[in-house]
């Protein structure tokens, strides 16, 4: 997967088909902390009564994951990487209304195979 912002290849795999890893630059991490807020908690409570997807939380989770991913990619670019492999996401509840979302992976330099 390529992100046009920085031409960084990003994958959950250990290797990138068609490329050779020539340098491992280290672990890169992107973190964001999001608060659900009173309005979001109230809407979620109302939706949970009838059941189904809580769209406000889904949207917030998607935005938080993308922000953590972009921060990780920016850290990789600062190291001079052109790819990040073994990407993973993690999340932790800090308290009842705040969540920490983490994207992490290994920043590498790759060259395209001839």
N, C-alpha and C. Protein backbone atom coordinates (compact mmCIF):
# COMPACT_ATOMS: atom_id res chain seq x y z
N UNK A 1 0.86 -1.17 0.00
CA UNK A 1 0.00 0.00 0.00
C UNK A 1 0.90 1.22 0.00
N UNK A 2 0.62 2.20 -0.80
CA UNK A 2 1.43 3.41 -0.87
C UNK A 2 0.59 4.61 -0.47
N UNK A 3 1.15 5.50 0.31
CA UNK A 3 0.47 6.72 0.70
C UNK A 3 1.11 7.87 -0.05
N UNK A 4 0.32 8.60 -0.85
CA UNK A 4 0.87 9.64 -1.70
C UNK A 4 1.57 10.75 -0.93
N UNK A 5 1.23 10.96 0.37
CA UNK A 5 1.83 12.04 1.14
C UNK A 5 3.34 11.94 1.18
N UNK A 6 3.88 10.73 1.16
CA UNK A 6 5.31 10.61 1.30
C UNK A 6 5.90 9.48 0.51
N UNK A 7 5.11 8.88 -0.36
CA UNK A 7 5.59 7.76 -1.16
C UNK A 7 6.23 6.68 -0.29
N UNK A 8 5.62 6.39 0.82
CA UNK A 8 6.09 5.36 1.74
C UNK A 8 5.26 4.10 1.50
N UNK A 9 5.93 2.99 1.32
CA UNK A 9 5.23 1.71 1.23
C UNK A 9 4.92 1.26 2.65
N UNK A 10 3.70 0.79 2.87
CA UNK A 10 3.25 0.43 4.20
C UNK A 10 2.59 -0.95 4.11
N UNK A 11 3.02 -1.87 5.00
CA UNK A 11 2.44 -3.21 4.95
C UNK A 11 2.46 -3.86 6.33
N UNK A 12 1.53 -4.78 6.52
CA UNK A 12 1.54 -5.58 7.74
C UNK A 12 2.44 -6.80 7.57
N UNK A 13 2.91 -7.04 6.36
CA UNK A 13 3.78 -8.19 6.09
C UNK A 13 5.22 -7.91 6.52
N UNK A 14 6.02 -8.97 6.59
CA UNK A 14 7.43 -8.85 6.96
C UNK A 14 8.31 -8.44 5.79
N UNK A 15 7.82 -8.65 4.58
CA UNK A 15 8.56 -8.29 3.38
C UNK A 15 7.61 -7.62 2.41
N UNK A 16 8.18 -7.02 1.37
CA UNK A 16 7.38 -6.40 0.32
C UNK A 16 7.75 -7.10 -0.99
N UNK A 17 6.81 -7.80 -1.58
CA UNK A 17 7.11 -8.50 -2.83
C UNK A 17 7.66 -7.53 -3.89
N UNK A 18 8.75 -7.96 -4.54
CA UNK A 18 9.37 -7.13 -5.56
C UNK A 18 10.38 -6.14 -5.04
N UNK A 19 10.60 -6.14 -3.72
CA UNK A 19 11.55 -5.22 -3.10
C UNK A 19 12.50 -6.00 -2.18
N UNK A 20 13.69 -5.46 -2.01
CA UNK A 20 14.67 -6.01 -1.07
C UNK A 20 14.93 -4.98 0.01
N UNK A 21 14.90 -5.42 1.27
CA UNK A 21 15.22 -4.53 2.38
C UNK A 21 16.74 -4.38 2.43
N UNK A 22 17.20 -3.12 2.33
CA UNK A 22 18.65 -2.87 2.35
C UNK A 22 19.11 -2.26 3.67
N UNK A 23 18.16 -1.75 4.46
CA UNK A 23 18.54 -1.18 5.76
C UNK A 23 17.33 -1.15 6.67
N UNK A 24 17.53 -1.57 7.91
CA UNK A 24 16.50 -1.48 8.94
C UNK A 24 16.84 -0.27 9.79
N UNK A 25 15.88 0.67 9.88
CA UNK A 25 16.13 1.92 10.58
C UNK A 25 15.58 1.94 11.99
N UNK A 26 14.72 1.00 12.30
CA UNK A 26 14.21 0.91 13.67
C UNK A 26 12.71 0.97 13.76
N UNK A 27 12.23 0.84 14.98
CA UNK A 27 10.80 0.87 15.26
C UNK A 27 10.30 2.31 15.18
N UNK A 28 9.15 2.48 14.55
CA UNK A 28 8.50 3.79 14.51
C UNK A 28 7.10 3.65 15.10
N UNK A 29 6.68 4.69 15.80
CA UNK A 29 5.41 4.66 16.52
C UNK A 29 4.65 5.95 16.25
N UNK A 30 3.35 5.84 16.11
CA UNK A 30 2.47 6.99 16.04
C UNK A 30 1.37 6.80 17.06
N UNK A 31 1.13 7.82 17.87
CA UNK A 31 0.16 7.71 18.95
C UNK A 31 -0.83 8.87 18.89
N UNK A 32 -2.07 8.59 19.20
CA UNK A 32 -3.06 9.64 19.42
C UNK A 32 -3.94 9.22 20.59
N UNK A 33 -4.45 10.20 21.30
CA UNK A 33 -5.38 9.95 22.40
C UNK A 33 -6.66 10.71 22.06
N UNK A 34 -7.76 10.02 22.10
CA UNK A 34 -9.05 10.62 21.74
C UNK A 34 -10.01 10.54 22.92
N UNK A 35 -10.77 11.59 23.08
CA UNK A 35 -11.83 11.61 24.08
C UNK A 35 -13.16 11.49 23.36
N UNK A 36 -14.02 10.67 23.88
CA UNK A 36 -15.34 10.49 23.27
C UNK A 36 -16.23 11.69 23.52
N UNK A 37 -16.02 12.41 24.59
CA UNK A 37 -16.82 13.60 24.87
C UNK A 37 -18.22 13.26 25.36
N UNK A 38 -18.82 14.22 26.00
CA UNK A 38 -20.15 14.03 26.59
C UNK A 38 -21.20 13.75 25.52
N UNK A 39 -21.16 14.51 24.42
CA UNK A 39 -22.14 14.32 23.34
C UNK A 39 -22.05 12.92 22.74
N UNK A 40 -20.82 12.46 22.49
CA UNK A 40 -20.63 11.12 21.93
C UNK A 40 -21.09 10.04 22.88
N UNK A 41 -20.78 10.21 24.16
CA UNK A 41 -21.21 9.22 25.15
C UNK A 41 -22.74 9.18 25.27
N UNK A 42 -23.37 10.35 25.22
CA UNK A 42 -24.82 10.41 25.31
C UNK A 42 -25.47 9.74 24.10
N UNK A 43 -24.96 10.05 22.90
CA UNK A 43 -25.51 9.45 21.68
C UNK A 43 -25.30 7.94 21.69
N UNK A 44 -24.13 7.51 22.13
CA UNK A 44 -23.84 6.07 22.20
C UNK A 44 -24.78 5.38 23.18
N UNK A 45 -25.04 6.01 24.31
CA UNK A 45 -25.94 5.42 25.29
C UNK A 45 -27.35 5.27 24.71
N UNK A 46 -27.79 6.29 23.98
CA UNK A 46 -29.12 6.22 23.36
C UNK A 46 -29.17 5.12 22.30
N UNK A 47 -28.12 5.02 21.46
CA UNK A 47 -28.09 3.99 20.42
C UNK A 47 -27.99 2.59 21.02
N UNK A 48 -27.30 2.47 22.15
CA UNK A 48 -27.13 1.14 22.73
C UNK A 48 -28.45 0.58 23.25
N UNK A 49 -29.41 1.43 23.50
CA UNK A 49 -30.72 0.96 23.96
C UNK A 49 -31.41 0.15 22.87
N UNK A 50 -31.29 0.62 21.62
CA UNK A 50 -31.96 -0.08 20.52
C UNK A 50 -31.03 -1.06 19.82
N UNK A 51 -29.75 -0.99 20.11
CA UNK A 51 -28.78 -1.90 19.50
C UNK A 51 -28.28 -1.40 18.16
N UNK A 52 -27.30 -2.09 17.63
CA UNK A 52 -26.75 -1.74 16.33
C UNK A 52 -25.43 -0.99 16.45
N UNK A 53 -24.92 -0.62 15.29
CA UNK A 53 -23.63 0.07 15.21
C UNK A 53 -23.74 1.48 15.75
N UNK A 54 -22.72 1.89 16.48
CA UNK A 54 -22.66 3.26 16.99
C UNK A 54 -21.74 4.04 16.06
N UNK A 55 -22.35 4.66 15.07
CA UNK A 55 -21.61 5.28 13.97
C UNK A 55 -20.65 6.37 14.43
N UNK A 56 -21.02 7.11 15.46
CA UNK A 56 -20.15 8.18 15.95
C UNK A 56 -18.82 7.60 16.44
N UNK A 57 -18.86 6.45 17.11
CA UNK A 57 -17.64 5.84 17.60
C UNK A 57 -16.84 5.19 16.48
N UNK A 58 -17.54 4.64 15.50
CA UNK A 58 -16.83 4.05 14.35
C UNK A 58 -16.05 5.13 13.62
N UNK A 59 -16.69 6.25 13.36
CA UNK A 59 -16.02 7.36 12.67
C UNK A 59 -14.83 7.86 13.48
N UNK A 60 -15.02 8.01 14.79
CA UNK A 60 -13.93 8.47 15.64
C UNK A 60 -12.77 7.48 15.63
N UNK A 61 -13.07 6.19 15.67
CA UNK A 61 -12.03 5.16 15.67
C UNK A 61 -11.26 5.17 14.35
N UNK A 62 -11.97 5.32 13.23
CA UNK A 62 -11.30 5.37 11.93
C UNK A 62 -10.38 6.58 11.83
N UNK A 63 -10.85 7.73 12.29
CA UNK A 63 -10.03 8.94 12.26
C UNK A 63 -8.80 8.79 13.16
N UNK A 64 -8.99 8.21 14.33
CA UNK A 64 -7.88 8.04 15.26
C UNK A 64 -6.83 7.09 14.69
N UNK A 65 -7.26 5.98 14.09
CA UNK A 65 -6.31 5.04 13.48
C UNK A 65 -5.52 5.70 12.36
N UNK A 66 -6.20 6.48 11.53
CA UNK A 66 -5.52 7.15 10.42
C UNK A 66 -4.53 8.19 10.95
N UNK A 67 -4.90 8.91 12.00
CA UNK A 67 -3.99 9.90 12.57
C UNK A 67 -2.75 9.21 13.16
N UNK A 68 -2.94 8.13 13.88
CA UNK A 68 -1.80 7.39 14.44
C UNK A 68 -0.92 6.84 13.31
N UNK A 69 -1.54 6.31 12.25
CA UNK A 69 -0.80 5.78 11.11
C UNK A 69 0.02 6.87 10.43
N UNK A 70 -0.58 8.03 10.21
CA UNK A 70 0.14 9.13 9.55
C UNK A 70 1.29 9.63 10.42
N UNK A 71 1.11 9.66 11.72
CA UNK A 71 2.21 10.06 12.62
C UNK A 71 3.35 9.06 12.54
N UNK A 72 3.01 7.77 12.48
CA UNK A 72 4.03 6.73 12.35
C UNK A 72 4.79 6.91 11.03
N UNK A 73 4.06 7.13 9.94
CA UNK A 73 4.68 7.33 8.63
C UNK A 73 5.60 8.54 8.65
N UNK A 74 5.16 9.63 9.27
CA UNK A 74 6.01 10.83 9.35
C UNK A 74 7.29 10.56 10.13
N UNK A 75 7.22 9.76 11.18
CA UNK A 75 8.43 9.41 11.93
C UNK A 75 9.37 8.57 11.06
N UNK A 76 8.79 7.68 10.27
CA UNK A 76 9.60 6.86 9.36
C UNK A 76 10.30 7.75 8.33
N UNK A 77 9.59 8.72 7.79
CA UNK A 77 10.18 9.64 6.82
C UNK A 77 11.32 10.44 7.45
N UNK A 78 11.15 10.83 8.72
CA UNK A 78 12.21 11.57 9.42
C UNK A 78 13.48 10.74 9.53
N UNK A 79 13.34 9.43 9.62
CA UNK A 79 14.50 8.53 9.70
C UNK A 79 15.10 8.24 8.32
N UNK A 80 14.41 8.65 7.26
CA UNK A 80 14.89 8.39 5.92
C UNK A 80 14.36 7.11 5.32
N UNK A 81 13.31 6.54 5.91
CA UNK A 81 12.73 5.30 5.41
C UNK A 81 11.89 5.56 4.16
N UNK A 82 11.78 4.53 3.33
CA UNK A 82 10.85 4.59 2.21
C UNK A 82 9.80 3.47 2.31
N UNK A 83 9.81 2.77 3.46
CA UNK A 83 8.81 1.74 3.70
C UNK A 83 8.71 1.47 5.21
N UNK A 84 7.55 0.97 5.60
CA UNK A 84 7.35 0.51 6.98
C UNK A 84 6.71 -0.87 6.88
N UNK A 85 7.34 -1.84 7.52
CA UNK A 85 6.85 -3.22 7.49
C UNK A 85 6.35 -3.62 8.87
N UNK A 86 5.64 -4.73 8.91
CA UNK A 86 5.12 -5.28 10.17
C UNK A 86 4.27 -4.29 10.96
N UNK A 87 3.45 -3.55 10.26
CA UNK A 87 2.61 -2.55 10.94
C UNK A 87 1.55 -3.24 11.78
N UNK A 88 1.35 -2.70 12.96
CA UNK A 88 0.32 -3.19 13.87
C UNK A 88 -0.38 -1.99 14.50
N UNK A 89 -1.58 -2.23 14.99
CA UNK A 89 -2.33 -1.22 15.74
C UNK A 89 -2.63 -1.78 17.11
N UNK A 90 -2.68 -0.90 18.08
CA UNK A 90 -3.05 -1.29 19.44
C UNK A 90 -3.88 -0.14 20.01
N UNK A 91 -4.71 -0.45 20.97
CA UNK A 91 -5.47 0.60 21.64
C UNK A 91 -5.63 0.25 23.10
N UNK A 92 -5.71 1.28 23.89
CA UNK A 92 -5.86 1.13 25.33
C UNK A 92 -6.87 2.15 25.82
N UNK A 93 -7.71 1.74 26.72
CA UNK A 93 -8.62 2.68 27.36
C UNK A 93 -7.88 3.33 28.51
N UNK A 94 -7.74 4.66 28.46
CA UNK A 94 -7.03 5.37 29.53
C UNK A 94 -7.97 5.66 30.70
N UNK A 95 -9.20 5.98 30.39
CA UNK A 95 -10.26 6.05 31.38
C UNK A 95 -11.58 5.86 30.64
N UNK A 96 -12.69 6.09 31.27
CA UNK A 96 -13.98 5.76 30.64
C UNK A 96 -14.28 6.57 29.40
N UNK A 97 -13.60 7.69 29.20
CA UNK A 97 -13.93 8.50 28.02
C UNK A 97 -12.73 8.78 27.12
N UNK A 98 -11.56 8.19 27.42
CA UNK A 98 -10.38 8.42 26.60
C UNK A 98 -9.72 7.12 26.16
N UNK A 99 -9.35 7.09 24.89
CA UNK A 99 -8.67 5.93 24.33
C UNK A 99 -7.36 6.37 23.69
N UNK A 100 -6.35 5.53 23.85
CA UNK A 100 -5.05 5.73 23.21
C UNK A 100 -4.97 4.76 22.04
N UNK A 101 -4.65 5.28 20.86
CA UNK A 101 -4.50 4.44 19.67
C UNK A 101 -3.05 4.55 19.22
N UNK A 102 -2.43 3.40 18.98
CA UNK A 102 -1.01 3.34 18.63
C UNK A 102 -0.86 2.58 17.32
N UNK A 103 -0.08 3.15 16.40
CA UNK A 103 0.33 2.44 15.19
C UNK A 103 1.84 2.28 15.30
N UNK A 104 2.34 1.07 15.03
CA UNK A 104 3.78 0.87 15.10
C UNK A 104 4.23 -0.13 14.05
N UNK A 105 5.48 -0.01 13.67
CA UNK A 105 6.05 -0.90 12.67
C UNK A 105 7.55 -0.70 12.61
N UNK A 106 8.18 -1.32 11.62
CA UNK A 106 9.63 -1.22 11.44
C UNK A 106 9.93 -0.39 10.20
N UNK A 107 10.63 0.71 10.41
CA UNK A 107 11.03 1.58 9.30
C UNK A 107 12.23 0.95 8.59
N UNK A 108 12.13 0.88 7.28
CA UNK A 108 13.20 0.27 6.47
C UNK A 108 13.43 1.09 5.20
N UNK A 109 14.58 0.83 4.60
CA UNK A 109 14.84 1.30 3.24
C UNK A 109 14.79 0.08 2.34
N UNK A 110 14.06 0.21 1.25
CA UNK A 110 13.95 -0.89 0.31
C UNK A 110 14.36 -0.40 -1.08
N UNK A 111 14.78 -1.37 -1.92
CA UNK A 111 15.05 -1.08 -3.33
C UNK A 111 14.23 -2.07 -4.15
N UNK A 112 13.75 -1.58 -5.28
CA UNK A 112 12.96 -2.42 -6.16
C UNK A 112 13.88 -3.43 -6.84
N UNK A 113 13.43 -4.68 -6.86
CA UNK A 113 14.21 -5.73 -7.53
C UNK A 113 14.21 -5.47 -9.04
N UNK A 114 15.33 -5.80 -9.70
CA UNK A 114 15.41 -5.58 -11.15
C UNK A 114 14.75 -6.70 -11.91
